[in-house]
Structure formats: C-alpha cells, structure tokens
Protein backbone atom coordinates (compact mmCIF):
# COMPACT_ATOMS: atom_id res chain seq x y z
CA UNK A 1 17.00 0.53 -21.72
CA UNK A 2 19.01 3.30 -20.33
CA UNK A 3 17.45 5.73 -22.38
CA UNK A 4 14.06 4.24 -21.29
CA UNK A 5 15.43 4.38 -17.15
CA UNK A 6 16.28 8.18 -17.94
CA UNK A 7 12.75 8.67 -19.46
CA UNK A 8 11.10 7.18 -16.05
CA UNK A 9 13.13 9.21 -14.29
CA UNK A 10 12.32 12.32 -15.93
CA UNK A 11 8.60 11.78 -15.74
CA UNK A 12 8.77 10.89 -11.95
CA UNK A 13 10.89 14.17 -11.42
CA UNK A 14 8.17 16.43 -13.56
CA UNK A 15 5.13 14.72 -11.91
CA UNK A 16 6.50 15.17 -8.35
CA UNK A 17 6.77 11.41 -6.96
CA UNK A 18 3.38 11.74 -4.94
CA UNK A 19 1.99 8.86 -6.69
CA UNK A 20 4.41 6.69 -6.17
CA UNK A 21 5.26 7.63 -2.80
CA UNK A 22 1.91 6.57 -1.71
CA UNK A 23 2.45 3.18 -2.87
CA UNK A 24 -0.57 1.42 -4.67
CA UNK A 25 -0.71 -2.34 -3.97
CA UNK A 26 -2.87 -4.97 -5.91
CA UNK A 27 -3.73 -6.71 -2.79
CA UNK A 28 -4.64 -3.43 -1.11
CA UNK A 29 -7.20 -5.24 0.74
CA UNK A 30 -4.47 -7.51 2.79
CA UNK A 31 -2.81 -4.01 3.38
CA UNK A 32 -4.84 -2.00 4.89
CA UNK A 33 -2.83 -0.40 7.62
CA UNK A 34 -0.09 1.47 5.34
CA UNK A 35 -3.01 3.64 4.17
CA UNK A 36 -5.32 3.83 7.30
CA UNK A 37 -4.07 4.06 10.92
CA UNK A 38 -7.86 3.17 11.99
CA UNK A 39 -7.43 -0.26 10.93
CA UNK A 40 -5.00 -0.96 13.68
CA UNK A 41 -6.08 -4.05 16.01
CA UNK A 42 -9.04 -4.72 13.63
CA UNK A 43 -8.19 -8.29 12.84
CA UNK A 44 -8.59 -8.74 17.20
CA UNK A 45 -5.36 -10.45 17.35
CA UNK A 46 -1.61 -9.37 17.29
CA UNK A 47 -0.79 -9.54 13.18
CA UNK A 48 2.38 -9.67 10.98
CA UNK A 49 2.55 -9.05 7.49
CA UNK A 50 5.35 -8.84 4.94
CA UNK A 51 4.52 -7.39 1.36
CA UNK A 52 6.91 -7.25 -1.26
CA UNK A 53 5.81 -5.55 -4.91
CA UNK A 54 7.98 -5.46 -7.93
CA UNK A 55 6.46 -3.03 -10.34
CA UNK A 56 7.02 -2.99 -14.36
CA UNK A 57 9.36 -6.23 -14.14
CA UNK A 58 11.97 -5.93 -16.41
CA UNK A 59 12.45 -2.32 -16.63
CA UNK A 60 15.63 -0.69 -15.06
CA UNK A 61 14.97 1.68 -12.29
CA UNK A 62 11.52 0.85 -12.13
CA UNK A 63 9.76 0.74 -8.47
CA UNK A 64 10.53 -1.72 -5.76
CA UNK A 65 8.42 -1.70 -2.41
CA UNK A 66 8.83 -3.62 0.60
CA UNK A 67 6.27 -2.79 3.58
CA UNK A 68 6.04 -4.70 7.08
CA UNK A 69 3.25 -4.12 9.37
CA UNK A 70 2.24 -5.17 12.98
CA UNK A 71 -0.72 -4.30 14.80
CA UNK A 72 -2.75 -5.45 17.57
CA UNK A 73 -5.51 -4.82 19.88
CA UNK A 74 -5.24 -3.70 23.60
CA UNK A 75 -7.12 -2.40 26.55
CA UNK A 76 -10.12 -5.40 26.05
CA UNK A 77 -10.05 -4.67 22.27
CA UNK A 78 -11.05 -0.96 22.74
CA UNK A 79 -7.70 0.36 21.31
CA UNK A 80 -5.47 -0.59 18.60
CA UNK A 81 -1.36 0.07 18.09
CA UNK A 82 0.30 -0.39 14.90
CA UNK A 83 3.83 -0.25 13.27
CA UNK A 84 4.41 0.36 9.61
CA UNK A 85 7.84 0.34 7.75
CA UNK A 86 8.04 1.06 4.05
CA UNK A 87 11.33 0.96 2.05
CA UNK A 88 10.51 2.34 -1.79
CA UNK A 89 12.82 2.53 -4.30
CA UNK A 90 12.36 3.90 -7.90
CA UNK A 91 15.23 5.05 -9.86
CA UNK A 92 17.60 7.48 -8.47
CA UNK A 93 15.13 8.10 -5.47
CA UNK A 94 15.01 5.98 -2.24
CA UNK A 95 11.99 6.89 0.30
CA UNK A 96 11.74 5.47 3.71
CA UNK A 97 8.57 5.68 6.18
CA UNK A 98 8.32 4.58 9.93
CA UNK A 99 4.84 5.12 11.11
CA UNK A 100 3.35 4.15 14.58
CA UNK A 101 -0.53 4.02 14.24
CA UNK A 102 -2.99 4.11 17.34
CA UNK A 103 -6.97 3.55 17.03
CA UNK A 104 -9.71 4.00 19.29
CA UNK A 105 -12.55 1.24 18.65
CA UNK A 106 -15.92 1.70 19.42
CA UNK A 107 -17.79 -1.40 19.56
CA UNK A 108 -21.75 -1.58 18.87
CA UNK A 109 -22.16 -5.18 19.39
CA UNK A 110 -23.08 -8.08 16.99
CA UNK A 111 -19.19 -7.43 15.56
CA UNK A 112 -19.99 -3.76 14.56
CA UNK A 113 -16.94 -1.77 15.19
CA UNK A 114 -15.94 1.94 14.49
CA UNK A 115 -12.39 2.78 14.61
CA UNK A 116 -11.04 6.31 14.60
CA UNK A 117 -7.09 6.46 13.72
CA UNK A 118 -3.96 8.88 13.77
CA UNK A 119 -0.26 7.87 13.28
CA UNK A 120 2.68 9.64 13.62
CA UNK A 121 5.44 9.43 10.65
CA UNK A 122 9.11 9.77 9.99
CA UNK A 123 10.02 10.09 6.10
CA UNK A 124 13.32 9.52 4.79
CA UNK A 125 13.82 10.46 1.07
CA UNK A 126 17.43 10.17 -0.62
CA UNK A 127 18.20 11.27 -4.34
CA UNK A 128 21.37 9.62 -5.81
CA UNK A 129 22.70 12.05 -8.95
CA UNK A 130 25.25 9.46 -9.57
CA UNK A 131 22.74 7.10 -10.90
CA UNK A 132 21.44 9.76 -13.51
CA UNK A 133 21.88 9.38 -17.41
CA UNK A 134 21.75 12.70 -18.78
CA UNK A 135 21.73 13.39 -22.68
CA UNK A 136 24.63 15.84 -21.84
CA UNK A 137 27.32 14.07 -19.58
CA UNK A 138 28.40 17.57 -18.55
CA UNK A 139 24.96 18.94 -17.45
CA UNK A 140 25.70 21.21 -15.20
CA UNK A 141 22.24 21.47 -13.52
CA UNK A 142 22.90 18.19 -11.89
CA UNK A 143 24.06 17.90 -8.58
CA UNK A 144 27.34 16.20 -8.03
CA UNK A 145 26.26 14.74 -4.49
CA UNK A 146 23.43 13.00 -3.14
CA UNK A 147 20.41 14.98 -1.73
CA UNK A 148 18.41 13.79 1.08
CA UNK A 149 16.23 15.05 3.74
CA UNK A 150 13.94 13.68 6.74
CA UNK A 151 10.45 15.06 7.49
CA UNK A 152 7.71 14.15 10.18
CA UNK A 153 4.41 13.64 8.79
CA UNK A 154 0.98 12.50 10.60
CA UNK A 155 -2.11 10.63 9.19
CA UNK A 156 -5.75 10.07 10.41
CA UNK A 157 -8.29 7.50 9.51
CA UNK A 158 -12.02 5.90 9.97
CA UNK A 159 -12.75 2.56 9.90
CA UNK A 160 -15.85 0.63 10.39
CA UNK A 161 -16.78 -3.01 9.86
CA UNK A 162 -19.04 -5.58 10.69
CA UNK A 163 -18.93 -9.66 10.24
CA UNK A 164 -20.19 -8.98 6.63
CA UNK A 165 -18.49 -5.83 5.27
CA UNK A 166 -16.28 -2.97 5.84
CA UNK A 167 -16.00 1.05 4.81
CA UNK A 168 -13.09 3.49 5.24
CA UNK A 169 -11.65 6.67 4.99
CA UNK A 170 -8.41 8.03 5.43
CA UNK A 171 -5.77 10.23 4.67
CA UNK A 172 -2.30 9.03 5.07
CA UNK A 173 0.01 11.95 4.98
CA UNK A 174 -1.60 15.51 5.99
CA UNK A 175 1.25 17.59 5.80
CA UNK A 176 2.64 18.92 2.55
CA UNK A 177 6.56 17.67 2.29
CA UNK A 178 9.24 17.43 -0.03
CA UNK A 179 12.55 15.71 -0.38
CA UNK A 180 14.63 18.81 -0.33
CA UNK A 181 14.03 22.33 -0.64
CA UNK A 182 17.28 24.11 -2.33
CA UNK A 183 17.81 21.94 -5.39
CA UNK A 184 19.00 23.50 -8.82
CA UNK A 185 16.36 21.82 -11.02
CA UNK A 186 13.27 22.78 -9.45
CA UNK A 187 12.45 21.15 -6.57
CA UNK A 188 11.71 17.34 -6.50
CA UNK A 189 8.58 17.08 -4.68
CA UNK A 190 7.26 14.31 -2.29
CA UNK A 191 3.63 14.31 -1.20
CA UNK A 192 3.33 18.07 -2.30
CA UNK A 193 -0.39 17.19 -2.47
CA UNK A 194 -2.61 15.04 -0.16
CA UNK A 195 -4.04 11.77 -1.28
CA UNK A 196 -7.29 10.99 -0.03
CA UNK A 197 -8.49 7.33 0.31
CA UNK A 198 -11.65 5.69 0.42
CA UNK A 199 -12.23 1.46 0.75
CA UNK A 200 -15.04 -0.71 0.92
CA UNK A 201 -15.71 -4.58 0.67
CA UNK A 202 -17.92 -7.35 1.91
CA UNK A 203 -17.99 -11.11 2.05
CA UNK A 204 -21.19 -13.05 1.30
CA UNK A 205 -21.55 -16.94 1.35
CA UNK A 206 -22.32 -18.58 -2.12
CA UNK A 207 -22.97 -21.89 -0.77
CA UNK A 208 -21.53 -24.26 1.90
CA UNK A 209 -17.92 -23.90 0.64
CA UNK A 210 -17.49 -20.73 -1.41
CA UNK A 211 -17.96 -17.02 -0.56
CA UNK A 212 -17.38 -14.31 -2.56
CA UNK A 213 -15.64 -11.20 -1.16
CA UNK A 214 -15.26 -8.06 -3.43
CA UNK A 215 -13.76 -4.84 -2.56
CA UNK A 216 -12.85 -1.32 -3.67
CA UNK A 217 -10.26 1.53 -3.10
CA UNK A 218 -10.65 5.15 -4.82
CA UNK A 219 -7.68 7.11 -4.39
CA UNK A 220 -8.07 10.92 -5.01
CA UNK A 221 -5.10 13.35 -5.49
CA UNK A 222 -5.04 16.85 -7.18
CA UNK A 223 -1.97 16.06 -8.72
CA UNK A 224 -2.41 12.63 -10.29
CA UNK A 225 -5.13 11.43 -12.28
CA UNK A 226 -8.20 9.81 -10.52
CA UNK A 227 -7.39 5.91 -9.43
CA UNK A 228 -9.92 3.38 -9.07
CA UNK A 229 -9.39 -0.40 -7.87
CA UNK A 230 -11.77 -2.95 -7.99
CA UNK A 231 -11.04 -6.61 -6.63
CA UNK A 232 -13.24 -9.84 -6.88
CA UNK A 233 -12.27 -12.85 -4.74
CA UNK A 234 -13.59 -16.03 -4.38
CA UNK A 235 -13.03 -18.19 -1.06
CA UNK A 236 -13.08 -22.00 -1.49
CA UNK A 237 -13.30 -23.87 1.89
CA UNK A 238 -11.97 -21.07 4.03
CA UNK A 239 -8.35 -22.06 2.49
CA UNK A 240 -7.94 -21.15 -0.96
CA UNK A 241 -8.44 -17.47 -2.28
CA UNK A 242 -8.77 -16.97 -6.10
CA UNK A 243 -9.15 -13.30 -7.26
CA UNK A 244 -9.12 -10.65 -10.23
CA UNK A 245 -8.33 -7.37 -10.10
CA UNK A 246 -8.37 -3.94 -12.35
CA UNK A 247 -7.00 -0.38 -11.91
CA UNK A 248 -8.33 1.76 -13.98
CA UNK A 249 -6.85 2.57 -17.35
CA UNK A 250 -3.59 1.13 -15.79
CA UNK A 251 -3.79 -2.92 -15.49
CA UNK A 252 -5.38 -6.24 -14.76
CA UNK A 253 -4.25 -8.59 -11.99
CA UNK A 254 -4.79 -12.04 -10.72
CA UNK A 255 -4.44 -13.02 -6.86
CA UNK A 256 -3.96 -16.20 -5.18
CA UNK A 257 -3.85 -16.81 -1.43
CA UNK A 258 -3.41 -19.96 0.61
CA UNK A 259 -4.26 -20.30 4.17
CA UNK A 260 -1.80 -22.59 5.62
CA UNK A 261 -3.20 -22.64 8.93
CA UNK A 262 -5.41 -20.52 11.14
CA UNK A 263 -2.51 -18.32 11.95
CA UNK A 264 -0.61 -18.15 8.08
CA UNK A 265 -1.65 -16.98 5.04
CA UNK A 266 0.57 -16.80 2.11
CA UNK A 267 -0.85 -14.88 -1.37
CA UNK A 268 0.86 -13.95 -4.95
CA UNK A 269 -0.54 -11.52 -7.18
CA UNK A 270 0.83 -10.69 -10.79
CA UNK A 271 -0.44 -7.64 -12.99
CA UNK A 272 -0.72 -7.16 -16.87
CA UNK A 273 0.03 -3.65 -17.84
CA UNK A 274 -2.70 -1.66 -20.09
CA UNK A 275 -0.56 1.17 -20.91
CA UNK A 276 1.91 1.99 -23.55
CA UNK A 277 4.81 0.28 -20.75
CA UNK A 278 3.44 -3.22 -22.06
CA UNK A 279 5.76 -2.57 -25.00
CA UNK A 280 8.98 -2.50 -22.68
CA UNK A 281 7.68 -4.98 -19.32
CA UNK A 282 5.11 -8.03 -19.14
CA UNK A 283 3.99 -6.49 -15.78
CA UNK A 284 4.17 -6.26 -11.96
CA UNK A 285 4.16 -8.66 -9.07
CA UNK A 286 3.32 -9.05 -5.66
CA UNK A 287 4.16 -11.22 -2.57
CA UNK A 288 2.48 -11.30 0.66
CA UNK A 289 2.91 -13.08 3.88
CA UNK A 290 0.49 -12.78 7.06
CA UNK A 291 0.97 -14.60 10.18
CA UNK A 292 -1.46 -13.88 13.54
CA UNK A 293 -1.29 -15.08 16.90
CA UNK A 294 -3.20 -17.81 18.07
CA UNK A 295 -6.97 -17.34 17.78
CA UNK A 296 -9.53 -18.42 20.22
CA UNK A 297 -10.15 -22.20 19.72
CA UNK A 298 -8.06 -22.04 16.85
CA UNK A 299 -10.53 -23.16 14.32
CA UNK A 300 -10.71 -22.01 10.49
CA UNK A 301 -14.55 -20.78 10.95
CA UNK A 302 -12.74 -17.93 13.43
CA UNK A 303 -10.77 -16.31 10.62
CA UNK A 304 -11.14 -12.47 9.97
CA UNK A 305 -11.92 -11.83 6.35
CA UNK A 306 -11.32 -8.05 6.55
C-alpha cells in the first residue's frame, strides 16, 4: 500500500496537480458555486451547502475534499453574493481556498435570468515532505521541511437560467499560480494552466409525479485529458431524486437525494472506477447537505431545481 501511495504522489507531482485542485464532484449539479461565481444568488434565497468527497476509498493518500458554500441574492435580487471554502488533501499536499463571489443578475421576465459573476480568492498550498516514501531513504533531492505558499487569484463566469433549463461558462482560476517557486525537484505546479468549464441542464415533467433532470459538465484544461461528466436524474413527487452519472473513461456513479423539507435536502453519491485503480479501490463517495432559508409560501412547488 505504501508503494501505491508513493506512485500516486509521484503521478500527482509530475502532472502538476492542476486537475485535482479544480475538484470534480459526481454531484456537480448541486455545487455550481465552487466553479462558477455567476451562480451566486441564483436560488433566490440564502442557501448553505456542505459537500464532502472521499475519492478512491481504501487508497492511502488518495484525495479528500470538503467544501462549504453560502450564497444569497440582495438588492431586490438584482445581485448575488457568495462565500466558498474548500479544503483539499491528496498525499503530501494540502490546499485551502477561500473565495468571495459577486454576481450581477439581469432579469428578462418569465423566470429568465442572466448573471455575470466575478470572484476573488486566496489559495494556500502546503507540501509535507515528511510523508514522502522515497525508494532511497537518503534521497538528497527531497526537502527536509514543509513547503508552502499563499496566492491570490480570481475567477469569472456567466450563468443563464430559466424555469426549465440552465447553461453556464466559467474560468474558476484565471491566474497561473504554483504552490511554491524555488524547489529542488522541478517546481510542483498548482493551477499551472487554466481550466474552462461549460455546464448545462434542464428539467422536464414526464407525468404528474415524475420529472426528468439531465445535466452535463465539460472541463477543458490543456494540461489534462478532456473531461466530460453526464448526469441523468429522475425526481419523484418533488421529494426523492434517483440518478446516474458517467465521467468519460473514468467512472460510473449513482445518486440518491431526499428533500426532507422545502428548506433541507440531503444527497449521497457513489462512484465505481473504470480505470486500473479499480484493482486497489472500490470507488469514491460523496455526501451533500443543503439548507435554504424559508421560501415564499413554504410549499414544495416553489422549489428551485437549479
């Protein structure tokens, strides 16, 4: 297992860690603020979301990510504000992001809203070299002390939604930054290349009790393979959501969500890995809890699906 951890760490160092820092969730459709600042305020009420992802269960040093988001409309819902905190750990590397988002919302009537968003970020990255498991225990290339760096960054995005569908585009991190600059093994990069996100989804009624809710997320980063996430959910009686997801050449997933009340919903997701890592791990899992302040009228038919 320690050899596998060492292999994972090496792969991450070589690849620059850029893909893992822009964390990909199976339940991406419930965590839009993490990748698109224009989403701030789009649920029309103050909303709090906690999201945890345990990737590659059973592998030492595999990614663990926790995110907390809060966003709300203000100024007669013409603007939105958001706050996002993300803590990510993979092997020797810990990263923490604190992001403040602002969105200007243009209402075209009939539930059609175009939002333009920007955000400001502080990113802290730390590498604990004491956790390294080198082949040569006296390898002089490995630092004896931890390395860390604090970087500012910013992101931007567009988000358009109606009562039936949404589309969005975003660049979560515009600046090209690294954890630290002066290291002896080739500058371990973090966000060395930008990621571009395209998202979309819709909701349609199949009958009186069932709605169909598909969604997609495309991620383009010159430093990583093309990434495509596809999701299909069925919503029963506006309370129970059952869904399936597919990440291109990576994993299949299943999602269960229950609307406990008009304000509270809880969701679980599990992935089955399609790559060679399935020989070492059964897959990944996530949990999401979201609480929204009182909706007008407090009725389930006022729920926002996006």
